[in-house]
Amino acid sequence: MQIRANQVAVITGAGSGIGAALATACAKLGLRVLVADIEYEAAEATASRLRKAGAKANAYQVDVSDSEEVYAMADHCQKLFGGCDLLCNNAGVSIQKPIEEMSPADWSWLVSVNTLGVAHSLSAFLPIMRQQQQGYIVNTASMAGLTPLCNFGAYTASKYAVVGMSEVLKEELKDSHLGVSVLCPGIVKTQIYQSERNRPDNANIAPPQSKASMETDFDTTYSRQLQPEHIADLVIQGVEANRFYIISHPEWKPLVDYRLSAVCDAFLTHS
């Protein structure tokens, strides 16, 4: 997709972290930005900062787990800006617990935001993009959508779903004027580990029974933390190059290779 001034970008989870960095990167390129977040004050802080820099930016409060709110956001965007050229489905949450400690409420909340939030946004905005006969979608998954992370089982499952959804969407859009990328970052300096602050039932959250920890060499080999601005730059480059997989941490490749080779080996074993 060729990014041009006056196009419209809609970014969820844009009150902080990767979303705020994406909003800033888009504004610098002259796009009009709808800064969406479940925390209105955070969204307005981002939008206000962009407006002070001369950009056209509006804040919008949305809970992406609620399909009616997402459809209302799409309608608001169309009335405000006349359409949507770049949709970044970036809102996400995390729970760090072993699978056996996850409650039904834990699963419901995490999947409703990470997976259904993306699905709701696609359902709401794809008809607008189809009508325009142009548009680009970036779905934020994670390296956890390409390789399993122990003690993040539900998060991994939700991000695998986003990767799969994006892969199917890519095939479904191949004969259209619409494009799609899936963003799979490693560790980024964001507030995702404090995401339960916005959980509706956060007063009743049961703490983990055990101390969750990554594999022993995770801290030294895979823990390089990038700034959100670096990820935003990769996204802009990926969109302009029509690159489907947008990857931030090449050092994670051996983990992905291990999983993929195990899948391929299973075919050989049972052939």
Protein backbone atom coordinates (compact mmCIF):
# COMPACT_ATOMS: atom_id res chain seq x y z
CA MET A 1 0.00 0.00 0.00
CA GLN A 2 1.27 3.45 -0.82
CA ILE A 3 0.86 5.60 2.26
CA ARG A 4 -0.13 9.16 1.42
CA ALA A 5 -1.11 12.30 3.32
CA ASN A 6 -4.82 12.68 4.18
CA GLN A 7 -5.45 8.96 4.27
CA VAL A 8 -7.23 7.72 7.38
CA ALA A 9 -5.70 5.42 10.00
CA VAL A 10 -7.71 3.72 12.74
CA ILE A 11 -5.57 2.30 15.53
CA THR A 12 -6.90 0.40 18.53
CA GLY A 13 -4.95 0.24 21.76
CA ALA A 14 -3.47 3.59 20.76
CA GLY A 15 -3.44 5.18 24.20
CA SER A 16 0.04 3.82 24.87
CA GLY A 17 2.73 1.43 23.69
CA ILE A 18 2.80 0.17 20.13
CA GLY A 19 -0.57 1.74 19.34
CA ALA A 20 0.52 5.22 20.40
CA ALA A 21 3.75 4.82 18.42
CA LEU A 22 1.76 3.75 15.36
CA ALA A 23 -0.51 6.76 15.73
CA THR A 24 2.53 9.04 15.91
CA ALA A 25 4.18 7.44 12.88
CA CYS A 26 0.98 7.76 10.83
CA ALA A 27 0.46 11.37 11.89
CA LYS A 28 4.02 12.25 10.86
CA LEU A 29 3.21 10.94 7.39
CA GLY A 30 0.17 13.21 7.20
CA LEU A 31 -2.55 10.65 7.86
CA ARG A 32 -5.67 11.57 9.76
CA VAL A 33 -5.79 9.34 12.82
CA LEU A 34 -8.58 7.90 14.93
CA VAL A 35 -6.87 7.11 18.23
CA ALA A 36 -8.95 4.36 19.83
CA ASP A 37 -8.47 2.86 23.28
CA ILE A 38 -10.51 1.45 26.14
CA GLU A 39 -9.01 4.26 28.28
CA TYR A 40 -10.39 7.50 26.89
CA GLU A 41 -7.98 9.72 28.81
CA ALA A 42 -5.01 7.83 27.37
CA ALA A 43 -6.47 8.04 23.85
CA GLU A 44 -7.09 11.76 24.24
CA ALA A 45 -3.56 12.30 25.56
CA THR A 46 -2.15 10.67 22.41
CA ALA A 47 -4.54 12.55 20.11
CA SER A 48 -3.86 15.87 21.87
CA ARG A 49 -0.10 15.41 21.49
CA LEU A 50 -0.56 14.70 17.77
CA ARG A 51 -2.82 17.72 17.30
CA LYS A 52 -0.25 19.97 18.98
CA ALA A 53 2.25 18.73 16.39
CA GLY A 54 -0.14 19.80 13.62
CA ALA A 55 -1.83 16.48 12.87
CA LYS A 56 -5.51 15.70 12.54
CA ALA A 57 -6.27 13.25 15.33
CA ASN A 58 -9.40 12.33 17.27
CA ALA A 59 -9.72 10.17 20.36
CA TYR A 60 -12.33 7.44 20.62
CA GLN A 61 -13.15 5.17 23.54
CA VAL A 62 -13.87 1.57 22.58
CA ASP A 63 -13.88 -1.84 24.20
CA VAL A 64 -12.96 -4.09 21.27
CA SER A 65 -14.46 -7.12 23.03
CA ASP A 66 -17.89 -5.53 22.51
CA SER A 67 -18.94 -5.90 18.87
CA GLU A 68 -21.56 -3.15 19.13
CA GLU A 69 -18.94 -0.67 20.31
CA VAL A 70 -16.61 -1.63 17.45
CA TYR A 71 -19.39 -1.22 14.85
CA ALA A 72 -20.21 2.15 16.39
CA MET A 73 -16.55 3.14 16.05
CA ALA A 74 -16.55 2.17 12.36
CA ASP A 75 -19.69 4.24 11.81
CA HIS A 76 -18.16 7.17 13.70
CA CYS A 77 -14.98 6.95 11.62
CA GLN A 78 -16.90 6.93 8.36
CA LYS A 79 -18.93 9.98 9.39
CA LEU A 80 -15.87 11.80 10.71
CA PHE A 81 -13.31 11.02 8.02
CA GLY A 82 -15.29 9.45 5.19
CA GLY A 83 -13.66 6.02 5.40
CA CYS A 84 -10.63 4.08 6.60
CA ASP A 85 -7.45 3.39 4.64
CA LEU A 86 -5.26 1.77 7.30
CA LEU A 87 -6.74 -0.32 10.11
CA CYS A 88 -4.37 -1.39 12.88
CA ASN A 89 -6.02 -3.96 15.15
CA ASN A 90 -3.52 -3.50 17.93
CA ALA A 91 -5.45 -3.70 21.22
CA GLY A 92 -4.39 -6.66 23.33
CA VAL A 93 -4.14 -8.00 26.87
CA SER A 94 -2.10 -10.63 28.65
CA ILE A 95 -2.42 -13.04 31.56
CA GLN A 96 0.67 -14.81 32.89
CA LYS A 97 -0.52 -18.11 34.36
CA PRO A 98 -0.04 -21.81 33.64
CA ILE A 99 -2.99 -23.22 31.70
CA GLU A 100 -4.17 -25.32 34.65
CA GLU A 101 -4.58 -22.16 36.73
CA MET A 102 -6.62 -20.28 34.13
CA SER A 103 -10.25 -19.80 35.14
CA PRO A 104 -13.13 -19.70 32.65
CA ALA A 105 -13.34 -15.95 33.31
CA ASP A 106 -9.63 -15.59 32.50
CA TRP A 107 -10.09 -17.37 29.18
CA SER A 108 -13.23 -15.45 28.31
CA TRP A 109 -11.69 -12.03 28.93
CA LEU A 110 -8.40 -12.70 27.16
CA VAL A 111 -9.92 -14.30 24.07
CA SER A 112 -12.68 -11.67 23.87
CA VAL A 113 -10.08 -8.92 23.56
CA ASN A 114 -7.18 -10.54 21.70
CA THR A 115 -9.08 -12.72 19.24
CA LEU A 116 -12.68 -11.57 19.05
CA GLY A 117 -11.55 -7.94 19.21
CA VAL A 118 -9.74 -8.43 15.91
CA ALA A 119 -12.68 -10.37 14.45
CA HIS A 120 -15.15 -7.63 15.43
CA SER A 121 -12.98 -4.97 13.84
CA LEU A 122 -12.62 -6.92 10.61
CA SER A 123 -16.38 -7.43 10.40
CA ALA A 124 -17.00 -3.72 11.01
CA PHE A 125 -14.36 -2.22 8.72
CA LEU A 126 -13.99 -4.66 5.83
CA PRO A 127 -17.30 -3.57 4.21
CA ILE A 128 -16.09 0.05 4.31
CA MET A 129 -12.80 -0.90 2.67
CA ARG A 130 -14.57 -3.06 0.10
CA GLN A 131 -16.77 -0.12 -0.83
CA GLN A 132 -13.71 2.13 -1.14
CA GLN A 133 -11.92 -0.59 -3.15
CA GLN A 134 -8.78 0.17 -1.18
CA GLY A 135 -7.40 -0.30 2.28
CA TYR A 136 -4.85 -2.13 4.39
CA ILE A 137 -5.16 -4.07 7.64
CA VAL A 138 -2.48 -4.79 10.23
CA ASN A 139 -3.39 -7.34 12.90
CA THR A 140 -1.12 -7.35 15.94
CA ALA A 141 -0.34 -10.90 17.02
CA SER A 142 2.95 -11.74 18.77
CA MET A 143 5.93 -14.03 18.59
CA ALA A 144 3.65 -16.05 20.86
CA GLY A 145 1.50 -16.53 17.77
CA LEU A 146 4.38 -18.35 16.08
CA THR A 147 5.91 -20.31 18.95
CA PRO A 148 4.46 -21.38 22.31
CA LEU A 149 5.41 -19.53 25.48
CA CYS A 150 5.16 -21.48 28.73
CA ASN A 151 2.95 -19.87 31.38
CA PHE A 152 1.33 -17.74 28.68
CA GLY A 153 -0.84 -20.54 27.29
CA ALA A 154 -4.04 -18.58 26.88
CA TYR A 155 -2.17 -15.61 25.43
CA THR A 156 -0.37 -17.94 23.02
CA ALA A 157 -3.66 -19.53 21.97
CA SER A 158 -5.26 -16.14 21.34
CA LYS A 159 -2.31 -14.95 19.25
CA TYR A 160 -2.10 -18.20 17.25
CA ALA A 161 -5.73 -17.46 16.38
CA VAL A 162 -4.85 -13.95 15.18
CA VAL A 163 -2.07 -15.35 12.97
CA GLY A 164 -4.42 -17.98 11.52
CA MET A 165 -7.18 -15.44 10.98
CA SER A 166 -4.75 -13.16 9.18
CA GLU A 167 -3.40 -15.96 6.99
CA VAL A 168 -6.89 -16.89 5.87
CA LEU A 169 -7.81 -13.25 5.31
CA LYS A 170 -4.73 -12.80 3.12
CA GLU A 171 -5.98 -15.58 0.84
CA GLU A 172 -9.52 -14.22 0.82
CA LEU A 173 -8.29 -10.75 -0.17
CA LYS A 174 -5.76 -11.82 -2.80
CA ASP A 175 -7.98 -10.81 -5.73
CA SER A 176 -9.02 -7.51 -4.16
CA HIS A 177 -7.44 -4.10 -3.71
CA LEU A 178 -7.09 -4.74 0.01
CA GLY A 179 -3.96 -5.85 1.84
CA VAL A 180 -3.18 -7.42 5.19
CA SER A 181 -0.17 -7.93 7.43
CA VAL A 182 0.24 -9.71 10.74
CA LEU A 183 2.61 -8.13 13.24
CA CYS A 184 4.54 -10.57 15.44
CA PRO A 185 6.76 -8.65 17.87
CA GLY A 186 8.85 -10.12 20.64
CA ILE A 187 9.29 -8.20 23.87
CA VAL A 188 8.39 -4.52 23.57
CA LYS A 189 8.32 -1.84 26.25
CA THR A 190 4.55 -1.52 26.76
CA GLN A 191 1.97 -1.77 29.54
CA ILE A 192 0.61 -5.15 28.41
CA TYR A 193 1.68 -6.86 31.63
CA GLN A 194 -0.55 -4.42 33.53
CA SER A 195 -3.49 -4.95 31.19
CA GLU A 196 -5.72 -6.46 33.89
CA ARG A 197 -6.20 -2.90 35.16
CA ASN A 198 -8.90 -2.63 32.49
CA ARG A 199 -10.47 -6.00 33.15
CA PRO A 200 -14.18 -5.68 34.10
CA ASP A 201 -13.91 -8.19 36.96
CA ASN A 202 -10.45 -7.12 38.16
CA ALA A 203 -11.57 -6.98 41.79
CA ASN A 204 -12.16 -10.74 41.73
CA ILE A 205 -8.99 -11.85 39.96
CA ALA A 206 -7.32 -14.85 41.55
CA PRO A 207 -3.51 -14.44 41.73
CA PRO A 208 -1.34 -17.17 40.19
CA GLN A 209 -0.85 -20.14 42.53
CA SER A 210 2.69 -20.67 41.32
CA LYS A 211 5.49 -18.40 40.21
CA ALA A 212 5.40 -18.48 36.43
CA SER A 213 8.79 -18.37 34.76
CA MET A 214 10.14 -18.65 31.25
CA GLU A 215 12.60 -21.29 30.14
CA THR A 216 16.03 -20.79 31.69
CA ASP A 217 17.74 -19.05 28.80
CA PHE A 218 14.78 -16.83 27.94
CA ASP A 219 16.12 -13.82 29.83
CA THR A 220 19.49 -13.89 28.11
CA THR A 221 18.59 -15.07 24.62
CA TYR A 222 15.11 -13.82 23.85
CA SER A 223 14.50 -10.89 26.18
CA ARG A 224 15.80 -7.99 24.08
CA GLN A 225 13.25 -5.24 24.69
CA LEU A 226 12.49 -2.87 21.83
CA GLN A 227 10.89 0.52 21.98
CA PRO A 228 7.38 0.87 20.51
CA GLU A 229 8.69 3.41 18.00
CA HIS A 230 10.93 0.75 16.46
CA ILE A 231 7.92 -1.53 15.98
CA ALA A 232 5.90 1.31 14.43
CA ASP A 233 8.67 1.94 11.90
CA LEU A 234 8.69 -1.76 10.98
CA VAL A 235 4.91 -1.66 10.48
CA ILE A 236 5.06 1.36 8.17
CA GLN A 237 7.82 -0.32 6.15
CA GLY A 238 5.85 -3.57 6.05
CA VAL A 239 2.65 -1.91 4.88
CA GLU A 240 4.41 0.00 2.12
CA ALA A 241 6.16 -3.19 0.99
CA ASN A 242 2.96 -5.25 1.29
CA ARG A 243 4.85 -7.64 3.59
CA PHE A 244 2.54 -10.16 5.22
CA TYR A 245 4.61 -11.24 8.24
CA ILE A 246 6.13 -8.30 10.09
CA ILE A 247 8.76 -9.65 12.49
CA SER A 248 10.75 -7.61 15.00
CA HIS A 249 13.11 -9.99 16.80
CA PRO A 250 15.16 -12.20 14.44
CA GLU A 251 16.79 -13.98 17.40
CA TRP A 252 13.48 -15.78 17.98
CA LYS A 253 13.80 -17.61 14.65
CA PRO A 254 15.31 -20.81 16.18
CA LEU A 255 12.21 -21.22 18.37
CA VAL A 256 9.93 -20.87 15.34
CA ASP A 257 12.18 -23.20 13.32
CA TYR A 258 12.00 -25.81 16.09
CA ARG A 259 8.21 -25.80 16.08
CA LEU A 260 7.90 -25.87 12.28
CA SER A 261 10.47 -28.63 11.90
CA ALA A 262 8.62 -30.72 14.50
CA VAL A 263 5.40 -30.34 12.47
CA CYS A 264 7.18 -31.29 9.24
CA ASP A 265 8.91 -34.24 10.91
CA ALA A 266 5.54 -35.54 12.08
CA PHE A 267 4.41 -35.76 8.44
CA LEU A 268 7.49 -37.81 7.59
CA THR A 269 7.00 -40.06 10.60
CA HIS A 270 3.42 -40.92 9.70
CA SER A 271 3.77 -41.08 5.92
